[in-house]
């Protein structure tokens, strides 16, 4: 399977019996699947079906679906509610001089709720069902195009993810090499401190000195962090090879990688390892930013 981005765009058109339409489908990153659908009035059934189809086609992403319909000669008719119109005109007469006596303008009357409404031309149920099916078939084409766009963007994204993961792996190896030199460096530092204490006749016994030396060594031991970094890096690489909807798992691994990098920095006994840890944190953050776009 391939890695898919959550970013993409597609458009699909269709026509049947003098009615033409087109779908636009846009997608951006999101924590889950968020579908927003905009359809013309009277297409509520299409709206519900479109949302259901989106849930079957995609796992994550904020999807915006828009349907535009051109009915050609079958334009909706304008129907005037005569009763409501007469009530408005009678109200003007009842108010007398308190309102403008001039007859109200047509464009003003049409803005009053209830005076006018659009009515779809009469159509048998079989024709309406056939058109609805054709519109939803076009939506499937739009989803296919959107999935292709997300896959194409995912291929570019995959290259960035592998580059960042490779950088993390190299820094982890550098940290491991630097950590190997820490015991010798700590021993030299401790020997100097012991010599200073003995010279000052601090009266500290050898047992106490051995205990302190063991504590220092334990605090500076980053082998567990290095091992866990290697394990998380391998797991992330396996996910990239696996493909599919791996965004959530990669995001979790980024959190774990960052946790180990933080511990590495806190336990570093020299400035060199600290700098490596900071570079590691920066590269992990770059990986995490790209992971937010993975489905």
Protein backbone atom coordinates (compact mmCIF):
# COMPACT_ATOMS: atom_id res chain seq x y z
CA UNK A 1 0.00 0.00 0.00
CA UNK A 2 1.06 3.59 -0.58
CA UNK A 3 1.22 6.52 1.78
CA UNK A 4 -1.57 9.05 1.17
CA UNK A 5 -1.67 12.70 2.07
CA UNK A 6 -4.86 14.30 3.36
CA UNK A 7 -4.49 17.19 0.90
CA UNK A 8 -6.09 17.04 -2.54
CA UNK A 9 -8.66 18.40 -5.01
CA UNK A 10 -10.85 16.84 -7.70
CA UNK A 11 -13.75 17.81 -9.96
CA UNK A 12 -16.16 15.56 -11.85
CA UNK A 13 -18.99 16.45 -14.24
CA UNK A 14 -22.12 14.66 -15.41
CA UNK A 15 -25.37 15.20 -17.35
CA UNK A 16 -28.70 13.45 -17.90
CA UNK A 17 -31.90 14.45 -19.75
CA UNK A 18 -31.00 18.12 -20.11
CA UNK A 19 -29.71 18.51 -16.55
CA UNK A 20 -25.96 19.02 -16.01
CA UNK A 21 -24.01 19.05 -12.77
CA UNK A 22 -20.53 18.96 -11.34
CA UNK A 23 -18.96 17.98 -8.02
CA UNK A 24 -15.95 19.62 -6.41
CA UNK A 25 -14.13 17.73 -3.68
CA UNK A 26 -11.42 19.30 -1.54
CA UNK A 27 -9.47 17.73 1.30
CA UNK A 28 -7.07 19.04 3.96
CA UNK A 29 -5.57 17.50 7.07
CA UNK A 30 -7.69 16.75 10.13
CA UNK A 31 -7.47 14.56 13.23
CA UNK A 32 -10.39 12.47 12.00
CA UNK A 33 -12.84 12.40 9.10
CA UNK A 34 -14.84 15.63 8.89
CA UNK A 35 -17.23 15.86 5.92
CA UNK A 36 -18.94 19.09 4.92
CA UNK A 37 -21.38 18.85 2.04
CA UNK A 38 -23.10 21.70 0.19
CA UNK A 39 -25.91 20.76 -2.20
CA UNK A 40 -28.80 22.71 -3.80
CA UNK A 41 -32.18 22.86 -2.04
CA UNK A 42 -34.21 19.70 -2.46
CA UNK A 43 -31.13 17.43 -2.60
CA UNK A 44 -31.16 16.30 1.01
CA UNK A 45 -31.10 12.61 0.02
CA UNK A 46 -27.98 13.23 -2.08
CA UNK A 47 -26.38 15.02 0.87
CA UNK A 48 -26.88 12.02 3.16
CA UNK A 49 -25.67 9.56 0.53
CA UNK A 50 -22.59 11.70 -0.21
CA UNK A 51 -21.57 11.76 3.46
CA UNK A 52 -21.97 7.99 3.71
CA UNK A 53 -19.90 7.47 0.55
CA UNK A 54 -17.16 9.75 1.88
CA UNK A 55 -16.93 7.70 5.08
CA UNK A 56 -16.47 4.58 2.98
CA UNK A 57 -13.83 6.11 0.71
CA UNK A 58 -11.58 7.94 3.19
CA UNK A 59 -10.28 7.38 6.70
CA UNK A 60 -9.09 10.86 7.70
CA UNK A 61 -9.23 14.41 6.40
CA UNK A 62 -11.50 17.45 6.35
CA UNK A 63 -13.54 16.95 3.17
CA UNK A 64 -15.51 19.76 1.52
CA UNK A 65 -17.99 18.55 -1.09
CA UNK A 66 -19.91 20.96 -3.33
CA UNK A 67 -22.60 20.08 -5.88
CA UNK A 68 -23.74 22.54 -8.57
CA UNK A 69 -26.73 21.68 -10.79
CA UNK A 70 -27.81 23.36 -14.07
CA UNK A 71 -31.33 22.25 -14.96
CA UNK A 72 -31.30 23.95 -18.35
CA UNK A 73 -34.87 24.40 -19.62
CA UNK A 74 -36.18 22.76 -16.47
CA UNK A 75 -35.58 25.86 -14.38
CA UNK A 76 -37.50 26.15 -11.15
CA UNK A 77 -40.65 28.25 -11.40
CA UNK A 78 -41.52 31.22 -9.20
CA UNK A 79 -44.84 30.84 -7.34
CA UNK A 80 -46.57 33.78 -5.67
CA UNK A 81 -48.63 33.23 -2.54
CA UNK A 82 -51.64 35.37 -3.42
CA UNK A 83 -53.07 35.26 0.10
CA UNK A 84 -49.84 36.53 1.66
CA UNK A 85 -49.55 39.23 -1.01
CA UNK A 86 -53.07 40.48 -0.37
CA UNK A 87 -52.38 40.61 3.38
CA UNK A 88 -49.29 42.79 2.81
CA UNK A 89 -51.18 45.16 0.50
CA UNK A 90 -54.12 45.36 2.94
CA UNK A 91 -51.69 46.17 5.77
CA UNK A 92 -50.38 49.14 3.81
CA UNK A 93 -53.92 50.47 3.47
CA UNK A 94 -54.66 49.92 7.16
CA UNK A 95 -51.58 51.86 8.22
CA UNK A 96 -52.71 54.84 6.15
CA UNK A 97 -50.56 57.95 6.39
CA UNK A 98 -48.07 56.27 8.74
CA UNK A 99 -46.36 54.63 5.76
CA UNK A 100 -45.48 55.69 2.22
CA UNK A 101 -48.76 55.66 0.24
CA UNK A 102 -46.97 54.77 -3.01
CA UNK A 103 -47.52 51.15 -4.14
CA UNK A 104 -44.69 48.90 -2.95
CA UNK A 105 -42.06 47.98 -5.53
CA UNK A 106 -41.99 44.45 -6.90
CA UNK A 107 -38.40 43.82 -5.81
CA UNK A 108 -39.38 44.87 -2.26
CA UNK A 109 -42.37 42.52 -2.21
CA UNK A 110 -40.24 39.58 -3.36
CA UNK A 111 -37.90 40.00 -0.40
CA UNK A 112 -40.73 39.43 2.10
CA UNK A 113 -40.66 35.88 3.41
CA UNK A 114 -43.65 33.87 2.24
CA UNK A 115 -44.61 36.07 -0.71
CA UNK A 116 -42.63 34.11 -3.32
CA UNK A 117 -41.02 30.68 -3.43
CA UNK A 118 -39.28 28.59 -6.06
CA UNK A 119 -41.01 25.40 -7.12
CA UNK A 120 -39.30 22.57 -8.96
CA UNK A 121 -41.04 21.40 -12.14
CA UNK A 122 -43.13 18.28 -11.75
CA UNK A 123 -41.12 15.11 -12.35
CA UNK A 124 -41.96 11.45 -12.01
CA UNK A 125 -40.15 9.50 -9.30
CA UNK A 126 -38.35 7.18 -11.74
CA UNK A 127 -36.68 10.09 -13.55
CA UNK A 128 -35.72 11.74 -10.25
CA UNK A 129 -34.21 8.46 -8.95
CA UNK A 130 -32.24 7.98 -12.18
CA UNK A 131 -30.83 11.51 -11.96
CA UNK A 132 -29.95 11.06 -8.28
CA UNK A 133 -28.10 7.82 -9.08
CA UNK A 134 -26.20 9.50 -11.92
CA UNK A 135 -25.19 12.40 -9.64
CA UNK A 136 -23.89 9.96 -7.02
CA UNK A 137 -22.00 8.03 -9.72
CA UNK A 138 -20.30 11.30 -10.62
CA UNK A 139 -19.42 11.80 -6.97
CA UNK A 140 -17.70 8.40 -7.05
CA UNK A 141 -15.61 9.69 -9.97
CA UNK A 142 -14.74 12.77 -7.93
CA UNK A 143 -13.69 10.58 -5.00
CA UNK A 144 -11.51 8.53 -7.32
CA UNK A 145 -9.81 11.69 -8.56
CA UNK A 146 -9.41 12.99 -5.02
CA UNK A 147 -7.86 9.71 -3.87
CA UNK A 148 -5.42 9.87 -6.80
CA UNK A 149 -4.47 13.45 -5.90
CA UNK A 150 -3.93 12.49 -2.27
CA UNK A 151 -1.79 9.51 -3.32
CA UNK A 152 0.30 11.71 -5.63
CA UNK A 153 0.85 14.21 -2.82
CA UNK A 154 1.57 11.27 -0.50
CA UNK A 155 4.45 10.14 -2.73
CA UNK A 156 6.12 13.53 -2.33
CA UNK A 157 5.37 13.45 1.37
CA UNK A 158 6.91 9.98 1.73
CA UNK A 159 10.24 11.24 0.41
CA UNK A 160 10.29 13.98 3.07
CA UNK A 161 9.33 11.53 5.82
CA UNK A 162 12.12 9.14 4.89
CA UNK A 163 14.63 12.00 4.76
CA UNK A 164 13.69 13.22 8.24
CA UNK A 165 13.66 9.69 9.63
CA UNK A 166 17.12 9.12 8.15
CA UNK A 167 18.34 12.28 9.85
CA UNK A 168 16.97 11.06 13.17
CA UNK A 169 18.68 7.70 12.70
CA UNK A 170 22.05 9.36 11.98
CA UNK A 171 21.76 11.61 15.02
CA UNK A 172 20.83 8.66 17.21
CA UNK A 173 23.94 6.82 16.01
CA UNK A 174 26.05 9.91 16.75
CA UNK A 175 24.49 10.12 20.21
CA UNK A 176 25.33 6.44 20.83
CA UNK A 177 28.97 7.04 19.88
CA UNK A 178 29.13 10.11 22.10
CA UNK A 179 27.52 8.23 24.99
CA UNK A 180 30.21 5.55 24.84
CA UNK A 181 32.80 8.16 25.78
CA UNK A 182 30.81 9.38 28.79
CA UNK A 183 31.99 6.79 31.38
CA UNK A 184 35.66 7.61 30.77
CA UNK A 185 34.94 11.32 30.90
CA UNK A 186 32.95 10.90 34.12
CA UNK A 187 35.73 8.83 35.65
CA UNK A 188 38.28 11.55 34.92
CA UNK A 189 35.97 14.19 36.33
CA UNK A 190 35.32 12.13 39.47
CA UNK A 191 39.03 11.37 39.98
CA UNK A 192 39.77 15.07 39.88
CA UNK A 193 36.96 15.81 42.34
CA UNK A 194 38.21 13.05 44.67
CA UNK A 195 41.75 14.38 44.49
CA UNK A 196 40.47 17.85 45.36
CA UNK A 197 38.50 16.44 48.29
CA UNK A 198 41.45 14.45 49.61
CA UNK A 199 43.67 17.46 49.30
CA UNK A 200 41.14 19.46 51.26
CA UNK A 201 40.97 16.65 53.84
CA UNK A 202 37.22 16.52 53.61
CA UNK A 203 37.18 13.22 55.45
CA UNK A 204 35.04 11.36 52.92
CA UNK A 205 35.52 7.59 53.02
CA UNK A 206 36.22 5.38 50.04
CA UNK A 207 32.84 3.63 50.42
CA UNK A 208 31.03 6.95 50.16
CA UNK A 209 33.11 7.90 47.14
CA UNK A 210 32.31 4.60 45.42
CA UNK A 211 28.62 5.12 46.11
CA UNK A 212 28.68 8.63 44.62
CA UNK A 213 30.57 7.34 41.59
CA UNK A 214 27.91 4.69 41.01
CA UNK A 215 25.13 7.28 41.23
CA UNK A 216 26.85 9.54 38.72
CA UNK A 217 27.32 6.66 36.30
CA UNK A 218 23.66 5.60 36.61
CA UNK A 219 22.36 9.11 36.04
CA UNK A 220 24.52 9.55 32.94
CA UNK A 221 23.70 6.13 31.41
CA UNK A 222 21.69 6.80 28.24
CA UNK A 223 21.89 3.30 26.75
CA UNK A 224 18.18 2.64 27.36
CA UNK A 225 17.23 5.89 25.60
CA UNK A 226 19.49 5.03 22.66
CA UNK A 227 17.95 1.55 22.40
CA UNK A 228 14.40 2.90 22.51
CA UNK A 229 15.24 5.52 19.88
CA UNK A 230 16.49 2.76 17.60
CA UNK A 231 13.33 0.73 18.24
CA UNK A 232 11.00 3.66 17.45
CA UNK A 233 12.98 4.54 14.31
CA UNK A 234 12.68 0.94 13.08
CA UNK A 235 8.93 0.94 13.81
CA UNK A 236 8.43 4.20 11.89
CA UNK A 237 10.39 2.84 8.93
CA UNK A 238 8.24 -0.30 8.93
CA UNK A 239 5.07 1.83 8.88
CA UNK A 240 6.35 3.82 5.89
CA UNK A 241 7.00 0.54 4.08
CA UNK A 242 3.54 -0.72 5.02
CA UNK A 243 1.64 2.38 3.84
CA UNK A 244 -2.10 2.87 4.18
CA UNK A 245 -3.75 4.87 6.98
CA UNK A 246 -0.65 5.16 9.19
CA UNK A 247 -0.86 8.81 10.22
CA UNK A 248 -2.07 8.24 13.79
CA UNK A 249 0.57 5.57 14.48
CA UNK A 250 3.34 7.78 13.10
CA UNK A 251 2.16 10.67 15.24
CA UNK A 252 2.35 8.45 18.35
CA UNK A 253 5.89 7.36 17.43
CA UNK A 254 6.91 11.01 17.04
CA UNK A 255 5.74 11.64 20.59
CA UNK A 256 7.77 8.68 21.85
CA UNK A 257 10.86 9.78 19.90
CA UNK A 258 10.58 13.23 21.39
CA UNK A 259 10.22 11.76 24.89
CA UNK A 260 13.49 9.83 24.50
CA UNK A 261 15.27 12.87 23.06
CA UNK A 262 14.19 14.95 26.07
CA UNK A 263 15.50 12.32 28.48
CA UNK A 264 18.75 12.11 26.52
CA UNK A 265 19.26 15.85 26.89
CA UNK A 266 18.50 15.79 30.62
CA UNK A 267 20.96 12.94 31.26
CA UNK A 268 23.75 14.23 29.01
CA UNK A 269 26.96 14.69 30.99
CA UNK A 270 28.73 16.84 28.41
CA UNK A 271 27.87 19.65 26.02
CA UNK A 272 28.49 17.54 22.91
CA UNK A 273 25.76 15.04 23.76
CA UNK A 274 23.43 17.88 24.74
CA UNK A 275 23.87 19.48 21.33
CA UNK A 276 23.18 16.18 19.62
CA UNK A 277 20.01 15.81 21.70
CA UNK A 278 18.83 19.29 20.71
CA UNK A 279 19.46 18.57 17.02
CA UNK A 280 17.56 15.33 17.49
CA UNK A 281 14.57 17.16 18.98
CA UNK A 282 14.54 19.65 16.08
CA UNK A 283 14.59 16.90 13.46
CA UNK A 284 11.86 14.94 15.25
CA UNK A 285 9.70 18.09 15.23
CA UNK A 286 10.25 18.44 11.48
CA UNK A 287 9.12 14.83 11.04
CA UNK A 288 6.07 15.42 13.24
CA UNK A 289 5.01 18.46 11.20
CA UNK A 290 4.98 16.37 8.01
CA UNK A 291 3.24 13.46 9.73
CA UNK A 292 0.24 15.74 10.41
CA UNK A 293 -0.57 15.52 6.67
CA UNK A 294 -0.50 11.70 6.48
CA UNK A 295 -3.84 9.93 6.30
